[in-house]
Amino acid sequence: MVKAKKPQKTSLFIAPFLENKENHIYLISLLNLKMVKRIIVSLDEGFLKNFDEMIKKNGYTTRNSAVQEALRDFTNKLNERTILKIKVEKDVSEKLNP
């Protein structure tokens, strides 16, 4: 006798997409997204108020999008500094050790 497979549990997030066949492609796209991690940042109240005003003036719709862009810019600058530091160290080394 073959046992019937238990139906897979569907998360509450995915279930609504399965009700409509048109949403299957969208669902697959969502499942293929990289997993994101949440972080918590504590900020001074005055700084946060200023930040909120700046993001509105610059067309951001959420704090999240503004913080993501700021972190991307910050990490890009750190990478550029690292690359520059490596080039300078290499140039100095070549001049000192011809």
N, C-alpha and C. Protein backbone atom coordinates (compact mmCIF):
# COMPACT_ATOMS: atom_id res chain seq x y z
N MET A 1 0.84 -1.18 0.00
CA MET A 1 0.00 0.00 0.00
C MET A 1 0.88 1.24 0.00
N VAL A 2 0.60 2.19 -0.90
CA VAL A 2 1.38 3.41 -1.02
C VAL A 2 0.74 4.48 -0.17
N LYS A 3 1.57 5.07 0.67
CA LYS A 3 1.05 6.15 1.52
C LYS A 3 0.96 7.44 0.71
N ALA A 4 -0.09 8.16 0.97
CA ALA A 4 -0.25 9.46 0.30
C ALA A 4 0.72 10.44 0.93
N LYS A 5 1.29 11.29 0.07
CA LYS A 5 2.21 12.31 0.59
C LYS A 5 1.41 13.37 1.33
N LYS A 6 2.02 13.83 2.40
CA LYS A 6 1.41 14.93 3.13
C LYS A 6 1.50 16.19 2.29
N PRO A 7 0.46 17.00 2.25
CA PRO A 7 0.59 18.26 1.49
C PRO A 7 1.63 19.15 2.15
N GLN A 8 2.40 19.81 1.32
CA GLN A 8 3.42 20.71 1.86
C GLN A 8 2.76 21.91 2.50
N LYS A 9 3.35 22.36 3.59
CA LYS A 9 2.85 23.57 4.22
C LYS A 9 3.27 24.76 3.39
N THR A 10 2.37 25.65 3.17
CA THR A 10 2.65 26.86 2.40
C THR A 10 2.62 28.03 3.37
N SER A 11 3.65 28.85 3.30
CA SER A 11 3.69 29.99 4.22
C SER A 11 2.55 30.95 3.89
N LEU A 12 2.18 31.74 4.86
CA LEU A 12 1.12 32.73 4.65
C LEU A 12 1.52 33.74 3.59
N PHE A 13 2.82 33.93 3.43
CA PHE A 13 3.30 34.89 2.43
C PHE A 13 3.06 34.38 1.02
N ILE A 14 3.26 33.08 0.80
CA ILE A 14 3.18 32.51 -0.54
C ILE A 14 1.76 32.12 -0.92
N ALA A 15 0.96 31.70 0.04
CA ALA A 15 -0.37 31.16 -0.24
C ALA A 15 -1.22 32.02 -1.17
N PRO A 16 -1.33 33.32 -0.97
CA PRO A 16 -2.18 34.12 -1.87
C PRO A 16 -1.75 34.07 -3.33
N PHE A 17 -0.46 33.88 -3.58
CA PHE A 17 0.02 33.83 -4.96
C PHE A 17 -0.40 32.54 -5.66
N LEU A 18 -0.59 31.49 -4.90
CA LEU A 18 -0.92 30.21 -5.50
C LEU A 18 -2.38 30.14 -5.95
N GLU A 19 -3.20 31.05 -5.44
CA GLU A 19 -4.62 31.06 -5.80
C GLU A 19 -4.84 31.57 -7.22
N ASN A 20 -3.92 32.32 -7.76
CA ASN A 20 -4.09 32.93 -9.07
C ASN A 20 -2.93 32.51 -9.97
N LYS A 21 -3.23 31.82 -11.06
CA LYS A 21 -2.17 31.32 -11.96
C LYS A 21 -1.33 32.44 -12.55
N GLU A 22 -1.89 33.63 -12.72
CA GLU A 22 -1.15 34.76 -13.29
C GLU A 22 -0.01 35.19 -12.37
N ASN A 23 -0.13 34.88 -11.12
CA ASN A 23 0.88 35.30 -10.14
C ASN A 23 2.05 34.33 -10.03
N HIS A 24 1.99 33.18 -10.69
CA HIS A 24 3.06 32.20 -10.55
C HIS A 24 4.41 32.75 -10.98
N ILE A 25 4.46 33.47 -12.09
CA ILE A 25 5.74 34.03 -12.55
C ILE A 25 6.25 35.04 -11.53
N TYR A 26 5.38 35.87 -11.02
CA TYR A 26 5.77 36.85 -10.01
C TYR A 26 6.28 36.14 -8.76
N LEU A 27 5.60 35.07 -8.37
CA LEU A 27 6.02 34.31 -7.19
C LEU A 27 7.42 33.74 -7.38
N ILE A 28 7.68 33.16 -8.55
CA ILE A 28 9.00 32.61 -8.83
C ILE A 28 10.05 33.70 -8.75
N SER A 29 9.73 34.90 -9.26
CA SER A 29 10.67 36.01 -9.18
C SER A 29 10.95 36.37 -7.73
N LEU A 30 9.92 36.39 -6.90
CA LEU A 30 10.12 36.71 -5.49
C LEU A 30 10.99 35.67 -4.80
N LEU A 31 10.77 34.41 -5.13
CA LEU A 31 11.54 33.36 -4.48
C LEU A 31 12.99 33.36 -4.91
N ASN A 32 13.28 33.91 -6.08
CA ASN A 32 14.65 33.95 -6.58
C ASN A 32 15.44 35.15 -6.05
N LEU A 33 14.79 36.06 -5.35
CA LEU A 33 15.49 37.21 -4.79
C LEU A 33 16.47 36.75 -3.72
N LYS A 34 17.54 37.46 -3.58
CA LYS A 34 18.49 37.15 -2.52
C LYS A 34 17.80 37.43 -1.18
N MET A 35 18.14 36.62 -0.21
CA MET A 35 17.59 36.84 1.12
C MET A 35 18.22 38.11 1.70
N VAL A 36 17.41 38.88 2.33
CA VAL A 36 17.91 40.11 2.93
C VAL A 36 17.95 39.93 4.44
N LYS A 37 18.81 40.66 5.06
CA LYS A 37 18.93 40.64 6.52
C LYS A 37 18.52 41.99 7.05
N ARG A 38 17.89 41.99 8.16
CA ARG A 38 17.50 43.24 8.81
C ARG A 38 18.55 43.62 9.84
N ILE A 39 18.78 44.91 9.96
CA ILE A 39 19.68 45.41 10.99
C ILE A 39 18.93 46.48 11.78
N ILE A 40 19.38 46.71 12.97
CA ILE A 40 18.80 47.75 13.81
C ILE A 40 19.87 48.81 14.02
N VAL A 41 19.50 50.06 13.81
CA VAL A 41 20.41 51.17 13.99
C VAL A 41 19.78 52.16 14.96
N SER A 42 20.52 52.56 15.96
CA SER A 42 20.05 53.55 16.91
C SER A 42 20.63 54.91 16.52
N LEU A 43 19.75 55.91 16.42
CA LEU A 43 20.18 57.24 16.02
C LEU A 43 19.64 58.28 16.98
N ASP A 44 20.39 59.34 17.12
CA ASP A 44 19.96 60.48 17.91
C ASP A 44 18.67 61.05 17.29
N GLU A 45 17.74 61.47 18.12
CA GLU A 45 16.45 61.96 17.63
C GLU A 45 16.59 63.14 16.67
N GLY A 46 17.48 64.06 16.98
CA GLY A 46 17.70 65.22 16.11
C GLY A 46 18.29 64.81 14.77
N PHE A 47 19.22 63.88 14.80
CA PHE A 47 19.82 63.39 13.57
C PHE A 47 18.77 62.71 12.70
N LEU A 48 17.92 61.90 13.32
CA LEU A 48 16.88 61.19 12.58
C LEU A 48 15.88 62.15 11.95
N LYS A 49 15.53 63.19 12.69
CA LYS A 49 14.61 64.20 12.15
C LYS A 49 15.23 64.87 10.92
N ASN A 50 16.50 65.24 11.02
CA ASN A 50 17.23 65.85 9.91
C ASN A 50 17.32 64.88 8.73
N PHE A 51 17.60 63.62 9.03
CA PHE A 51 17.70 62.60 8.00
C PHE A 51 16.37 62.44 7.26
N ASP A 52 15.28 62.39 8.00
CA ASP A 52 13.95 62.26 7.39
C ASP A 52 13.65 63.44 6.46
N GLU A 53 14.02 64.63 6.88
CA GLU A 53 13.81 65.82 6.03
C GLU A 53 14.66 65.73 4.76
N MET A 54 15.90 65.29 4.90
CA MET A 54 16.79 65.18 3.75
C MET A 54 16.30 64.13 2.75
N ILE A 55 15.82 62.99 3.25
CA ILE A 55 15.39 61.95 2.31
C ILE A 55 14.13 62.37 1.56
N LYS A 56 13.25 63.12 2.23
CA LYS A 56 12.05 63.61 1.54
C LYS A 56 12.43 64.61 0.45
N LYS A 57 13.34 65.52 0.79
CA LYS A 57 13.78 66.53 -0.19
C LYS A 57 14.48 65.91 -1.39
N ASN A 58 15.10 64.77 -1.19
CA ASN A 58 15.85 64.13 -2.26
C ASN A 58 15.08 63.01 -2.96
N GLY A 59 13.80 62.92 -2.69
CA GLY A 59 12.94 62.02 -3.45
C GLY A 59 12.89 60.57 -2.99
N TYR A 60 13.46 60.26 -1.85
CA TYR A 60 13.36 58.89 -1.35
C TYR A 60 11.96 58.68 -0.77
N THR A 61 11.44 57.50 -0.98
CA THR A 61 10.10 57.21 -0.46
C THR A 61 10.15 56.56 0.91
N THR A 62 11.30 55.96 1.25
CA THR A 62 11.43 55.29 2.54
C THR A 62 12.82 55.52 3.12
N ARG A 63 12.91 55.40 4.43
CA ARG A 63 14.22 55.46 5.09
C ARG A 63 15.09 54.31 4.59
N ASN A 64 14.46 53.15 4.42
CA ASN A 64 15.18 51.97 4.00
C ASN A 64 15.96 52.21 2.70
N SER A 65 15.29 52.77 1.70
CA SER A 65 15.97 52.99 0.42
C SER A 65 17.11 53.99 0.56
N ALA A 66 16.91 55.01 1.38
CA ALA A 66 17.97 56.00 1.60
C ALA A 66 19.16 55.38 2.34
N VAL A 67 18.89 54.57 3.34
CA VAL A 67 19.97 53.94 4.10
C VAL A 67 20.71 52.93 3.22
N GLN A 68 19.98 52.17 2.40
CA GLN A 68 20.64 51.23 1.50
C GLN A 68 21.60 51.95 0.55
N GLU A 69 21.15 53.06 -0.04
CA GLU A 69 22.02 53.79 -0.95
C GLU A 69 23.22 54.37 -0.21
N ALA A 70 22.99 54.89 0.99
CA ALA A 70 24.10 55.45 1.77
C ALA A 70 25.12 54.37 2.10
N LEU A 71 24.67 53.18 2.45
CA LEU A 71 25.59 52.09 2.76
C LEU A 71 26.34 51.63 1.51
N ARG A 72 25.66 51.60 0.36
CA ARG A 72 26.34 51.24 -0.89
C ARG A 72 27.44 52.25 -1.20
N ASP A 73 27.10 53.56 -1.08
CA ASP A 73 28.09 54.61 -1.34
C ASP A 73 29.27 54.48 -0.38
N PHE A 74 28.97 54.24 0.88
CA PHE A 74 30.01 54.12 1.89
C PHE A 74 30.94 52.95 1.59
N THR A 75 30.38 51.78 1.27
CA THR A 75 31.21 50.62 0.98
C THR A 75 32.00 50.81 -0.31
N ASN A 76 31.40 51.48 -1.30
CA ASN A 76 32.14 51.77 -2.54
C ASN A 76 33.34 52.67 -2.25
N LYS A 77 33.16 53.68 -1.41
CA LYS A 77 34.27 54.57 -1.06
C LYS A 77 35.36 53.82 -0.31
N LEU A 78 34.96 52.93 0.60
CA LEU A 78 35.96 52.13 1.31
C LEU A 78 36.73 51.24 0.35
N ASN A 79 36.03 50.65 -0.61
CA ASN A 79 36.71 49.82 -1.62
C ASN A 79 37.67 50.64 -2.45
N GLU A 80 37.27 51.85 -2.84
CA GLU A 80 38.15 52.73 -3.62
C GLU A 80 39.39 53.09 -2.82
N ARG A 81 39.21 53.38 -1.53
CA ARG A 81 40.35 53.70 -0.68
C ARG A 81 41.31 52.52 -0.59
N THR A 82 40.75 51.33 -0.44
CA THR A 82 41.58 50.13 -0.34
C THR A 82 42.38 49.92 -1.62
N ILE A 83 41.72 50.08 -2.76
CA ILE A 83 42.40 49.94 -4.06
C ILE A 83 43.49 50.99 -4.19
N LEU A 84 43.19 52.23 -3.83
CA LEU A 84 44.18 53.30 -3.90
C LEU A 84 45.35 53.02 -2.98
N LYS A 85 45.07 52.55 -1.76
CA LYS A 85 46.12 52.24 -0.80
C LYS A 85 47.04 51.16 -1.35
N ILE A 86 46.46 50.13 -1.96
CA ILE A 86 47.26 49.04 -2.54
C ILE A 86 48.15 49.58 -3.66
N LYS A 87 47.60 50.47 -4.51
CA LYS A 87 48.39 51.04 -5.60
C LYS A 87 49.54 51.88 -5.07
N VAL A 88 49.26 52.69 -4.06
CA VAL A 88 50.30 53.54 -3.47
C VAL A 88 51.39 52.68 -2.84
N GLU A 89 50.99 51.65 -2.10
CA GLU A 89 51.97 50.77 -1.47
C GLU A 89 52.82 50.07 -2.53
N LYS A 90 52.20 49.67 -3.62
CA LYS A 90 52.93 49.01 -4.71
C LYS A 90 53.91 49.98 -5.35
N ASP A 91 53.46 51.21 -5.61
CA ASP A 91 54.34 52.22 -6.22
C ASP A 91 55.53 52.53 -5.31
N VAL A 92 55.26 52.69 -4.02
CA VAL A 92 56.35 52.99 -3.06
C VAL A 92 57.33 51.82 -3.01
N SER A 93 56.78 50.61 -2.97
CA SER A 93 57.62 49.43 -2.92
C SER A 93 58.50 49.31 -4.16
N GLU A 94 57.95 49.61 -5.34
CA GLU A 94 58.71 49.54 -6.58
C GLU A 94 59.81 50.60 -6.61
N LYS A 95 59.53 51.78 -6.04
CA LYS A 95 60.55 52.85 -6.03
C LYS A 95 61.66 52.54 -5.04
N LEU A 96 61.27 51.93 -3.91
CA LEU A 96 62.28 51.61 -2.90
C LEU A 96 63.07 50.35 -3.26
N ASN A 97 62.47 49.48 -4.03
CA ASN A 97 63.12 48.21 -4.39
C ASN A 97 63.08 48.05 -5.92
N PRO A 98 63.86 48.84 -6.63
CA PRO A 98 63.83 48.78 -8.10
C PRO A 98 64.37 47.48 -8.66
